[in-house]
Structures are given as structure tokens and as C-alpha cells.
N, C-alpha and C. Protein backbone atom coordinates (compact mmCIF):
# COMPACT_ATOMS: atom_id res chain seq x y z
N UNK A 1 0.87 -1.14 0.18
CA UNK A 1 0.26 -0.07 0.21
C UNK A 1 1.02 0.98 -0.43
N UNK A 2 0.80 2.29 -1.30
CA UNK A 2 1.10 3.52 -1.21
C UNK A 2 0.55 4.40 -0.39
N UNK A 3 1.06 5.38 0.59
CA UNK A 3 0.05 6.01 0.90
C UNK A 3 0.97 7.79 0.51
N UNK A 4 0.04 8.87 0.02
CA UNK A 4 0.50 10.08 -0.67
C UNK A 4 -0.30 11.10 0.45
N UNK A 5 0.43 12.20 0.55
CA UNK A 5 -0.06 13.16 1.56
C UNK A 5 -0.22 14.44 0.96
N UNK A 6 -1.01 15.20 1.34
CA UNK A 6 -1.25 16.48 0.56
C UNK A 6 -1.46 17.56 1.90
N UNK A 7 -1.21 18.65 2.10
CA UNK A 7 -1.44 19.81 3.37
C UNK A 7 -2.68 20.66 2.81
N UNK A 8 -3.21 20.85 1.76
CA UNK A 8 -3.75 21.36 1.23
C UNK A 8 -4.76 21.40 0.44
N UNK A 9 -6.16 21.62 -0.34
CA UNK A 9 -6.47 21.27 -0.88
C UNK A 9 -6.44 21.34 -2.41
N UNK A 10 -5.33 22.34 -2.80
CA UNK A 10 -5.08 22.82 -3.80
C UNK A 10 -4.05 21.28 -4.45
N UNK A 11 -3.11 21.08 -3.38
CA UNK A 11 -2.13 20.12 -3.61
C UNK A 11 -2.95 18.88 -3.88
N UNK A 12 -3.91 18.77 -2.60
CA UNK A 12 -4.65 17.41 -2.80
C UNK A 12 -5.07 17.13 -4.39
N UNK A 13 -5.84 18.26 -5.00
CA UNK A 13 -6.63 17.77 -6.22
C UNK A 13 -5.22 17.48 -6.84
N UNK A 14 -4.17 18.09 -7.05
CA UNK A 14 -2.89 17.78 -8.19
C UNK A 14 -2.68 16.14 -7.97
N UNK A 15 -2.29 16.07 -6.57
CA UNK A 15 -2.12 14.39 -6.15
C UNK A 15 -2.92 13.68 -6.55
N UNK A 16 -4.41 13.72 -6.32
CA UNK A 16 -5.31 13.01 -7.02
C UNK A 16 -5.15 13.04 -8.19
N UNK A 17 -5.44 13.98 -8.89
CA UNK A 17 -5.66 13.72 -10.60
C UNK A 17 -4.15 12.69 -10.90
N UNK A 18 -2.79 12.81 -10.45
CA UNK A 18 -1.38 12.52 -11.10
C UNK A 18 -1.36 11.15 -10.25
N UNK A 19 -2.32 10.52 -9.38
CA UNK A 19 -1.83 9.29 -8.76
C UNK A 19 -3.33 8.21 -8.65
N UNK A 20 -4.43 9.29 -8.84
CA UNK A 20 -5.74 8.45 -8.70
C UNK A 20 -5.83 7.36 -7.55
N UNK A 21 -5.49 7.58 -6.63
CA UNK A 21 -5.52 7.02 -5.36
C UNK A 21 -6.94 5.61 -5.12
N UNK A 22 -6.58 4.71 -4.40
CA UNK A 22 -8.10 3.67 -4.42
C UNK A 22 -8.61 4.33 -3.31
N UNK A 23 -8.14 4.97 -2.33
CA UNK A 23 -9.40 5.47 -1.64
C UNK A 23 -8.63 6.71 -0.85
N UNK A 24 -9.04 7.91 -1.15
CA UNK A 24 -8.59 9.21 -0.43
C UNK A 24 -9.58 9.80 1.03
N UNK A 25 -8.76 9.64 1.78
CA UNK A 25 -9.12 10.17 3.37
C UNK A 25 -8.92 11.71 3.42
N UNK A 26 -9.86 12.34 3.37
CA UNK A 26 -9.80 13.66 3.60
C UNK A 26 -10.04 14.12 4.92
N UNK A 27 -9.45 15.11 5.49
CA UNK A 27 -9.75 15.78 6.86
C UNK A 27 -11.04 17.18 6.62
N UNK A 28 -11.90 17.20 7.09
CA UNK A 28 -12.72 18.43 7.06
C UNK A 28 -12.08 19.73 7.20
N UNK A 29 -11.24 19.55 8.11
CA UNK A 29 -10.41 21.03 8.29
C UNK A 29 -9.31 21.40 7.45
N UNK A 30 -9.31 22.08 6.70
CA UNK A 30 -7.97 21.83 5.85
C UNK A 30 -7.69 23.75 5.61
N UNK A 31 -6.92 24.08 5.35
CA UNK A 31 -6.36 25.53 5.24
C UNK A 31 -7.11 26.59 4.39
N UNK A 32 -7.09 25.89 3.28
CA UNK A 32 -7.93 26.75 1.98
C UNK A 32 -9.21 26.17 1.74
N UNK A 33 -9.75 25.78 1.80
CA UNK A 33 -10.90 24.72 1.60
C UNK A 33 -11.54 24.04 2.65
N UNK A 34 -12.60 23.85 2.98
CA UNK A 34 -13.11 22.33 3.94
C UNK A 34 -13.03 20.97 2.96
N UNK A 35 -13.03 19.98 4.08
CA UNK A 35 -12.98 18.94 3.22
C UNK A 35 -14.32 18.44 2.68
N UNK A 36 -14.95 19.03 2.79
CA UNK A 36 -16.68 19.07 2.39
C UNK A 36 -16.16 19.39 1.01
N UNK A 37 -15.54 20.83 0.43
CA UNK A 37 -15.68 21.22 -0.67
C UNK A 37 -14.80 20.56 -1.53
N UNK A 38 -13.35 19.94 -0.99
CA UNK A 38 -12.42 19.15 -1.49
C UNK A 38 -13.06 18.27 -2.18
N UNK A 39 -13.80 17.28 -1.58
CA UNK A 39 -14.31 15.97 -1.83
C UNK A 39 -15.42 16.37 -2.91
N UNK A 40 -16.33 17.29 -3.01
CA UNK A 40 -17.13 17.81 -4.00
C UNK A 40 -16.07 17.64 -5.14
N UNK A 41 -15.34 18.59 -4.97
CA UNK A 41 -14.33 18.95 -6.55
C UNK A 41 -13.58 17.51 -6.81
N UNK A 42 -13.15 16.53 -6.10
CA UNK A 42 -13.03 15.50 -6.59
C UNK A 42 -13.92 14.25 -7.11
N UNK A 43 -15.61 14.56 -6.49
CA UNK A 43 -16.34 13.94 -7.11
C UNK A 43 -16.68 14.38 -8.52
N UNK A 44 -16.50 15.56 -8.71
CA UNK A 44 -17.02 16.09 -9.89
C UNK A 44 -16.03 15.77 -10.93
N UNK A 45 -14.43 15.47 -10.72
CA UNK A 45 -13.53 14.94 -11.72
C UNK A 45 -13.67 13.27 -11.81
N UNK A 46 -14.01 13.03 -10.65
CA UNK A 46 -13.99 11.47 -10.78
C UNK A 46 -15.02 10.61 -10.04
N UNK A 47 -16.22 10.84 -10.38
CA UNK A 47 -17.70 10.30 -9.87
C UNK A 47 -17.33 8.91 -9.08
N UNK A 48 -16.40 8.33 -9.40
CA UNK A 48 -16.29 6.97 -8.81
C UNK A 48 -15.32 7.33 -7.52
N UNK A 49 -14.64 7.87 -7.26
CA UNK A 49 -13.81 8.54 -5.77
C UNK A 49 -14.14 7.80 -4.59
N UNK A 50 -13.46 7.12 -4.41
CA UNK A 50 -13.55 6.31 -2.73
C UNK A 50 -13.16 7.39 -2.07
N UNK A 51 -14.12 7.96 -1.19
CA UNK A 51 -13.52 9.23 -0.12
C UNK A 51 -13.89 8.78 1.22
N UNK A 52 -13.01 8.51 2.33
CA UNK A 52 -13.68 8.48 3.42
C UNK A 52 -13.41 10.20 4.21
N UNK A 53 -14.40 10.72 4.64
CA UNK A 53 -13.69 11.60 5.41
C UNK A 53 -13.12 11.45 6.95
N UNK A 54 -12.73 12.50 7.30
CA UNK A 54 -11.93 12.52 8.67
C UNK A 54 -11.87 13.71 9.43
N UNK A 55 -12.18 13.50 10.58
CA UNK A 55 -12.72 14.61 11.60
C UNK A 55 -12.53 14.58 12.71
N UNK A 56 -12.26 15.59 13.60
CA UNK A 56 -11.65 15.32 15.20
C UNK A 56 -13.14 15.56 15.47
N UNK A 57 -14.44 15.92 14.79
CA UNK A 57 -15.75 16.21 15.18
C UNK A 57 -16.54 14.67 15.46
N UNK A 58 -17.06 14.44 16.41
CA UNK A 58 -17.94 13.08 16.08
C UNK A 58 -19.38 13.61 16.14
N UNK A 59 -19.60 14.84 15.91
CA UNK A 59 -21.23 15.37 15.28
C UNK A 59 -21.90 14.61 14.53
N UNK A 60 -23.00 14.16 14.57
CA UNK A 60 -23.47 13.08 13.44
C UNK A 60 -23.85 13.92 12.14
N UNK A 61 -23.92 15.02 12.40
CA UNK A 61 -24.32 16.18 11.12
C UNK A 61 -22.87 16.20 10.20
N UNK A 62 -22.00 16.22 10.94
CA UNK A 62 -20.80 16.32 10.17
C UNK A 62 -20.69 15.21 9.40
N UNK A 63 -20.65 14.27 9.67
CA UNK A 63 -20.77 12.55 9.02
C UNK A 63 -22.32 12.58 8.10
N UNK A 64 -23.24 12.86 8.27
CA UNK A 64 -24.32 13.10 7.49
C UNK A 64 -23.91 13.79 6.30
N UNK A 65 -23.36 15.26 6.34
CA UNK A 65 -23.12 16.11 5.65
C UNK A 65 -22.20 15.52 4.44
N UNK A 66 -21.15 14.38 5.09
CA UNK A 66 -19.81 13.99 4.24
C UNK A 66 -20.48 13.18 3.41
N UNK A 67 -21.77 11.91 4.24
CA UNK A 67 -21.76 11.12 3.14
C UNK A 67 -22.94 12.03 2.07
N UNK A 68 -24.01 13.14 2.22
CA UNK A 68 -24.30 13.76 1.21
C UNK A 68 -23.73 13.86 0.14
N UNK A 69 -22.42 14.66 0.51
CA UNK A 69 -21.78 14.83 -0.32
C UNK A 69 -20.73 13.85 -0.93
N UNK A 70 -20.88 12.52 -1.11
CA UNK A 70 -20.53 11.34 -1.43
C UNK A 70 -19.71 10.43 -0.90
N UNK A 71 -19.13 10.84 0.24
CA UNK A 71 -17.98 10.39 0.80
C UNK A 71 -18.70 8.72 0.95
N UNK A 72 -17.76 7.46 0.55
CA UNK A 72 -17.83 6.55 1.44
C UNK A 72 -17.99 5.98 2.92
N UNK A 73 -17.64 6.84 3.62
CA UNK A 73 -17.38 6.47 4.97
C UNK A 73 -16.81 7.56 5.88
N UNK A 74 -17.03 7.89 7.14
CA UNK A 74 -16.66 9.25 7.92
C UNK A 74 -16.10 8.43 9.56
N UNK A 75 -14.63 8.63 9.55
CA UNK A 75 -14.19 8.48 10.90
C UNK A 75 -14.11 9.57 11.44
N UNK A 76 -13.83 9.26 13.24
CA UNK A 76 -13.71 10.65 13.87
C UNK A 76 -12.22 10.36 14.58
N UNK A 77 -11.41 11.34 14.48
CA UNK A 77 -10.23 10.92 15.41
C UNK A 77 -10.33 10.35 16.43
N UNK A 78 -10.99 10.57 17.35
CA UNK A 78 -11.42 9.94 18.31
C UNK A 78 -11.57 8.36 18.41
N UNK A 79 -12.24 7.74 17.20
CA UNK A 79 -12.40 6.59 17.11
C UNK A 79 -10.93 5.68 17.44
N UNK A 80 -11.49 4.59 17.63
CA UNK A 80 -10.08 3.37 17.83
C UNK A 80 -9.33 3.55 16.22
N UNK A 81 -8.34 3.10 16.68
CA UNK A 81 -7.44 3.18 15.40
C UNK A 81 -7.95 2.38 14.30
N UNK A 82 -8.24 1.12 14.68
CA UNK A 82 -8.64 -0.18 14.19
C UNK A 82 -9.64 0.32 13.38
N UNK A 83 -10.68 1.22 13.70
CA UNK A 83 -12.05 1.48 13.12
C UNK A 83 -11.36 2.30 11.80
N UNK A 84 -10.36 2.97 12.00
CA UNK A 84 -9.92 3.48 10.72
C UNK A 84 -9.13 2.75 9.32
N UNK A 85 -8.47 1.64 10.11
CA UNK A 85 -8.17 0.89 9.19
C UNK A 85 -9.04 -0.05 8.37
N UNK A 86 -10.41 -0.24 9.23
CA UNK A 86 -11.55 -1.13 8.92
C UNK A 86 -12.23 -0.48 8.22
N UNK A 87 -12.06 0.81 7.81
CA UNK A 87 -12.73 1.84 7.20
C UNK A 87 -12.49 1.45 5.81
N UNK A 88 -10.82 1.94 5.74
CA UNK A 88 -10.07 1.97 4.83
C UNK A 88 -10.41 0.71 3.66
N UNK A 89 -10.24 -0.13 4.49
CA UNK A 89 -10.34 -1.76 3.85
C UNK A 89 -11.86 -2.07 3.46
N UNK A 90 -13.09 -1.58 3.88
CA UNK A 90 -14.61 -1.17 3.73
C UNK A 90 -14.56 -0.76 2.08
N UNK A 91 -14.06 0.37 2.35
CA UNK A 91 -14.52 1.73 1.34
C UNK A 91 -13.61 1.01 0.11
N UNK A 92 -12.30 0.75 0.33
CA UNK A 92 -11.54 -0.02 -1.33
C UNK A 92 -12.27 -1.19 -1.13
N UNK A 93 -12.79 -1.93 -0.57
CA UNK A 93 -13.41 -3.43 -1.27
C UNK A 93 -15.17 -2.93 -2.29
N UNK A 94 -15.12 -1.61 -1.92
CA UNK A 94 -16.11 -0.65 -2.77
C UNK A 94 -17.42 -0.74 -1.91
N UNK A 95 -17.37 -0.61 -0.52
CA UNK A 95 -18.25 -0.48 0.76
C UNK A 95 -18.57 0.56 0.97
N UNK A 96 -19.29 0.58 1.88
CA UNK A 96 -19.46 1.94 3.00
C UNK A 96 -19.08 1.54 4.28
N UNK A 97 -18.64 2.95 4.96
CA UNK A 97 -18.19 2.55 6.51
C UNK A 97 -18.51 3.99 7.30
N UNK A 98 -19.43 3.46 8.06
CA UNK A 98 -20.33 4.45 8.99
C UNK A 98 -20.26 3.51 10.57
N UNK A 99 -19.92 4.01 11.36
CA UNK A 99 -20.12 3.39 12.85
C UNK A 99 -21.50 3.21 13.19
N UNK A 100 -21.77 2.31 13.66
CA UNK A 100 -23.17 1.93 13.94
C UNK A 100 -23.65 2.80 14.59
N UNK A 101 -23.07 3.32 15.91
CA UNK A 101 -23.64 4.45 16.62
C UNK A 101 -23.73 5.52 16.21
N UNK A 102 -22.81 6.35 15.21
CA UNK A 102 -23.15 7.40 14.16
C UNK A 102 -24.33 6.97 13.13
N UNK A 103 -24.45 5.88 12.65
CA UNK A 103 -25.66 5.76 11.86
C UNK A 103 -26.77 5.74 12.41
N UNK A 104 -26.94 5.43 13.74
CA UNK A 104 -27.99 5.50 14.50
C UNK A 104 -28.49 7.02 14.95
N UNK A 105 -27.53 7.94 14.88
CA UNK A 105 -27.86 8.80 15.56
C UNK A 105 -28.13 9.72 14.00
N UNK A 106 -27.71 9.77 13.22
CA UNK A 106 -28.01 10.39 12.05
C UNK A 106 -29.43 9.98 11.52
N UNK A 107 -29.85 8.69 11.95
CA UNK A 107 -31.33 8.25 11.66
C UNK A 107 -32.54 8.96 12.41
N UNK A 108 -31.64 9.13 13.83
CA UNK A 108 -33.04 9.65 15.11
C UNK A 108 -32.83 11.28 14.66
N UNK A 109 -31.40 11.93 14.59
CA UNK A 109 -31.66 13.32 14.09
C UNK A 109 -33.10 13.65 12.86
N UNK A 110 -32.62 12.88 11.91
CA UNK A 110 -33.17 13.17 10.73
C UNK A 110 -34.79 12.77 10.84
N UNK A 111 -35.24 11.80 11.37
CA UNK A 111 -36.26 12.14 11.86
C UNK A 111 -37.23 12.68 13.07
N UNK A 112 -36.22 13.17 14.01
CA UNK A 112 -36.80 14.37 14.76
C UNK A 112 -37.17 15.49 14.38
N UNK A 113 -36.09 15.88 13.10
CA UNK A 113 -36.01 16.82 12.22
C UNK A 113 -35.26 17.89 12.84
N UNK A 114 -34.66 17.85 13.95
CA UNK A 114 -34.00 18.52 15.01
C UNK A 114 -33.00 19.51 13.87
N UNK A 115 -32.11 19.20 12.99
CA UNK A 115 -31.21 20.17 12.63
C UNK A 115 -31.46 20.46 11.19
N UNK A 116 -30.74 21.31 10.45
CA UNK A 116 -30.80 22.00 9.14
C UNK A 116 -29.89 20.87 8.51
N UNK A 117 -30.30 20.55 7.47
CA UNK A 117 -29.09 19.91 6.35
C UNK A 117 -28.83 20.57 5.70
N UNK A 118 -27.23 20.86 5.54
CA UNK A 118 -26.78 21.94 4.54
C UNK A 118 -26.31 20.77 3.23
N UNK A 119 -26.27 21.79 2.38
CA UNK A 119 -25.16 20.82 0.83
C UNK A 119 -23.70 21.08 1.37
N UNK A 120 -22.80 20.69 0.74
CA UNK A 120 -21.55 20.91 1.10
C UNK A 120 -21.23 22.27 0.65
N UNK A 121 -21.90 22.73 -0.50
CA UNK A 121 -21.71 24.36 -0.87
C UNK A 121 -22.10 25.44 -0.03
N UNK A 122 -23.37 25.00 0.78
CA UNK A 122 -24.09 26.03 1.96
C UNK A 122 -22.91 25.87 3.31
N UNK A 123 -22.57 24.72 3.23
CA UNK A 123 -21.39 24.60 4.57
C UNK A 123 -20.58 25.65 4.80
N UNK A 124 -19.52 25.13 3.17
CA UNK A 124 -18.41 26.25 2.54
C UNK A 124 -18.89 27.56 2.60
N UNK A 125 -19.95 28.06 1.92
CA UNK A 125 -20.12 29.24 1.71
C UNK A 125 -20.37 30.23 3.48
N UNK A 126 -21.11 29.52 3.84
CA UNK A 126 -21.25 29.77 5.41
C UNK A 126 -20.26 29.98 6.36
N UNK A 127 -19.15 28.85 6.14
CA UNK A 127 -17.96 28.88 6.48
C UNK A 127 -16.81 30.15 6.31
N UNK A 128 -17.22 30.62 5.43
CA UNK A 128 -16.51 31.82 4.73
C UNK A 128 -16.91 32.97 4.95
N UNK A 129 -18.34 33.03 4.94
CA UNK A 129 -18.60 34.35 5.83
C UNK A 129 -18.58 34.21 7.30
N UNK A 130 -18.42 33.12 7.68
CA UNK A 130 -17.88 33.28 9.07
C UNK A 130 -16.44 33.91 9.09
N UNK A 131 -15.79 33.62 8.48
CA UNK A 131 -14.38 34.16 8.47
C UNK A 131 -14.28 35.50 8.28
N UNK A 132 -15.70 36.19 7.54
CA UNK A 132 -15.26 37.55 7.22
C UNK A 132 -15.21 37.77 5.70
N UNK A 133 -15.38 36.64 5.18
CA UNK A 133 -15.05 37.26 3.21
C UNK A 133 -16.56 37.63 2.97
N UNK A 134 -16.07 38.17 1.99
CA UNK A 134 -17.13 38.93 1.37
C UNK A 134 -17.75 37.90 0.06
N UNK A 135 -19.07 38.05 -0.28
CA UNK A 135 -19.74 37.36 -1.28
C UNK A 135 -18.76 36.91 -2.79
N UNK A 136 -18.15 38.36 -2.96
CA UNK A 136 -17.04 38.39 -4.13
C UNK A 136 -15.76 37.19 -3.92
N UNK A 137 -15.63 37.51 -2.40
CA UNK A 137 -14.04 36.52 -2.37
C UNK A 137 -14.42 35.34 -2.40
N UNK A 138 -15.99 34.88 -1.92
CA UNK A 138 -15.94 33.55 -1.43
C UNK A 138 -16.29 32.64 -3.31
N UNK A 139 -16.75 33.70 -3.86
CA UNK A 139 -16.93 33.41 -5.39
C UNK A 139 -15.57 33.32 -5.76
N UNK A 140 -14.72 33.76 -5.71
CA UNK A 140 -13.65 33.51 -6.33
C UNK A 140 -12.60 32.36 -5.90
N UNK A 141 -12.78 32.22 -4.38
CA UNK A 141 -12.30 30.76 -3.53
C UNK A 141 -12.59 29.80 -4.07
N UNK A 142 -14.06 29.90 -3.95
CA UNK A 142 -14.77 28.35 -4.47
C UNK A 142 -14.94 28.34 -5.98
N UNK A 143 -14.53 28.89 -6.90
CA UNK A 143 -14.69 28.94 -8.06
C UNK A 143 -15.99 28.86 -8.77
N UNK A 144 -16.97 29.67 -8.37
CA UNK A 144 -17.88 30.13 -8.83
C UNK A 144 -18.30 30.92 -9.28
N UNK A 145 -19.50 31.50 -10.08
CA UNK A 145 -20.01 32.80 -9.64
C UNK A 145 -20.58 33.65 -8.60
N UNK A 146 -20.61 34.87 -8.72
CA UNK A 146 -20.85 35.86 -7.59
C UNK A 146 -22.59 35.55 -7.39
N UNK A 147 -23.34 35.51 -8.29
CA UNK A 147 -24.88 35.22 -8.06
C UNK A 147 -24.83 33.79 -7.69
N UNK A 148 -23.75 32.78 -8.13
CA UNK A 148 -24.30 31.12 -7.49
C UNK A 148 -24.21 31.42 -5.60
N UNK A 149 -23.18 32.46 -5.49
CA UNK A 149 -22.86 32.97 -3.71
C UNK A 149 -24.27 33.49 -3.61
N UNK A 150 -24.72 34.50 -4.17
CA UNK A 150 -25.58 34.99 -3.40
C UNK A 150 -27.15 34.34 -3.25
N UNK A 151 -27.43 33.34 -4.23
CA UNK A 151 -28.11 32.54 -4.16
C UNK A 151 -28.24 31.53 -3.07
N UNK A 152 -26.95 30.88 -2.96
CA UNK A 152 -26.43 29.75 -1.75
C UNK A 152 -26.90 30.44 -0.61
N UNK A 153 -26.45 32.34 -0.29
CA UNK A 153 -26.85 32.67 0.67
C UNK A 153 -27.94 33.27 0.87
N UNK A 154 -29.05 33.28 0.23
CA UNK A 154 -30.17 33.53 0.21
C UNK A 154 -30.86 32.00 0.68
N UNK A 155 -30.56 30.95 0.49
CA UNK A 155 -30.75 29.58 0.37
C UNK A 155 -30.57 29.56 2.07
N UNK A 156 -29.40 29.93 2.65
CA UNK A 156 -28.91 29.73 4.05
C UNK A 156 -29.77 30.55 5.18
N UNK A 157 -30.46 31.90 4.77
CA UNK A 157 -30.81 32.62 5.11
C UNK A 157 -32.31 31.86 5.38
N UNK A 158 -33.02 31.55 4.31
CA UNK A 158 -34.44 30.95 4.35
C UNK A 158 -34.56 29.69 5.37
N UNK A 159 -33.20 28.69 5.24
CA UNK A 159 -33.08 27.49 6.05
C UNK A 159 -33.22 27.80 7.41
N UNK A 160 -32.29 29.05 7.89
CA UNK A 160 -31.99 29.45 9.10
C UNK A 160 -33.51 30.48 9.49
N UNK A 161 -34.07 30.91 8.63
CA UNK A 161 -35.19 32.20 9.02
C UNK A 161 -34.01 33.15 9.58
N UNK A 162 -32.98 33.61 8.78
CA UNK A 162 -32.46 34.82 9.18
C UNK A 162 -32.15 36.23 8.27
N UNK A 163 -32.71 37.32 8.80
CA UNK A 163 -32.71 38.16 7.73
C UNK A 163 -31.79 38.84 7.12
N UNK A 164 -30.52 38.39 8.30
CA UNK A 164 -29.36 39.53 7.50
C UNK A 164 -28.38 38.44 7.59
N UNK A 165 -26.88 38.70 6.75
CA UNK A 165 -26.03 37.60 6.59
C UNK A 165 -25.10 37.40 8.22
N UNK A 166 -25.39 38.54 9.11
CA UNK A 166 -24.80 38.64 10.25
C UNK A 166 -25.78 37.60 11.22
N UNK A 167 -26.74 37.94 11.22
CA UNK A 167 -27.95 36.95 11.87
C UNK A 167 -27.59 35.88 11.60
N UNK A 168 -27.06 35.32 10.22
CA UNK A 168 -27.05 33.83 9.78
C UNK A 168 -25.73 33.15 10.44
N UNK A 169 -24.65 34.46 10.33
CA UNK A 169 -23.35 33.65 11.04
C UNK A 169 -23.68 33.45 12.68
N UNK A 170 -24.55 34.61 12.94
CA UNK A 170 -24.35 33.93 14.75
C UNK A 170 -25.28 32.70 15.10
N UNK A 171 -26.44 32.57 14.15
CA UNK A 171 -27.27 31.40 14.30
C UNK A 171 -25.96 30.18 14.42
N UNK A 172 -25.27 30.26 12.90
CA UNK A 172 -24.20 29.11 12.55
C UNK A 172 -23.24 28.78 13.77
N UNK A 173 -23.04 30.13 14.23
CA UNK A 173 -21.88 29.96 15.63
C UNK A 173 -22.62 29.26 16.43
N UNK A 174 -23.75 29.67 17.20
CA UNK A 174 -24.58 28.81 18.07
C UNK A 174 -24.64 27.76 18.02
N UNK A 175 -25.21 26.96 16.68
CA UNK A 175 -25.14 25.55 16.26
C UNK A 175 -24.32 25.00 16.33
N UNK A 176 -23.22 25.88 16.58
CA UNK A 176 -21.78 25.04 16.08
C UNK A 176 -21.64 24.14 14.58
N UNK A 177 -22.28 25.02 13.69
CA UNK A 177 -22.35 24.90 12.34
C UNK A 177 -20.84 24.99 11.86
N UNK A 178 -20.28 26.09 12.30
CA UNK A 178 -18.95 26.79 11.43
C UNK A 178 -17.94 27.06 12.93
């Protein structure tokens, strides 16, 4: 088994394109864009990409977001290291990997309707808004049009019933989304 490493999303995209790994393990917290956005970009390039999202956060909403974004598995850094190896093996074999307890939490969250479910783009735009980026800056950073960012922001405001971008950011921080 060969392991390759990249410290940011731009390098990860280059490494992925050059080596076409059997399984890509992506940390959600990257210095340039979120792991969710990187996973989305890799999926666009290669719809058959086998991606495992890796995070220090064991919140079921992060796992749900990863799965909705096309990840085949989710592993928390607090999980047993053997679980990480098992996830790689399972995803490599063409399967999916999600700890049973996490899957149950996701199912019950969805049934209870307690949480707002965000797309990977919405989560990325919200994260960048929280960092103080303007809509123009966000559009440039995630390679979409200003109009796409504006539409995404309108969708976020509707989902959170927020009237202003500042109110939206406050709600997202309070709910620990960003």
C-alpha cells in the first residue's frame, strides 16, 4: 500500500489527478477550503472516487454532510485506530463505512427533524462568511459566480430564518455549524 499526502486542497487535487488513489482520506478542516468542498471537487473530476472523511468532530451532522457529499465513509479522530483501518479496507472493497452508533444518531436526528441539513456548498459558503469573507471573495475562492454565492446565501437565510448575513453567522456559530 502506498500512502500519499497533501497539506491543502489545491495540492490534494493535484496529487489525486496524478496518482488516482484507490481511497482518499480527507480531513474536514483544511487551510484553504473545507474537506467537504474538496470532496465535492474530487467527485466532479471522478464520480467513482472512494472518499473517507476524517474529522476530530464526532457530531452526526458532520458525518451526514460527508455522506450526502458522496463520501463512502466517515471516521472520527477519536475513534479506535482499528476502526480507521477497517474503514479504509471496506471503502477500498467498494463498500461503505460508518460506525453503527453514528448511523443511529444520524437516523434519529433526521427523524426528529432537529437539525438543518446543509449542502457542501452551503456549509462552505457559511464557513467563509463566518471568516469575514465577502460574497465576491467567496465566489473567487470556491470558483463559482457571484450569483451562485448570492443564491446560496439566500437559501441559507431561508433555512435558518435569518434576515441578515450577520444573523445567519450568529445562528451558525450558536448551533456549532461553523
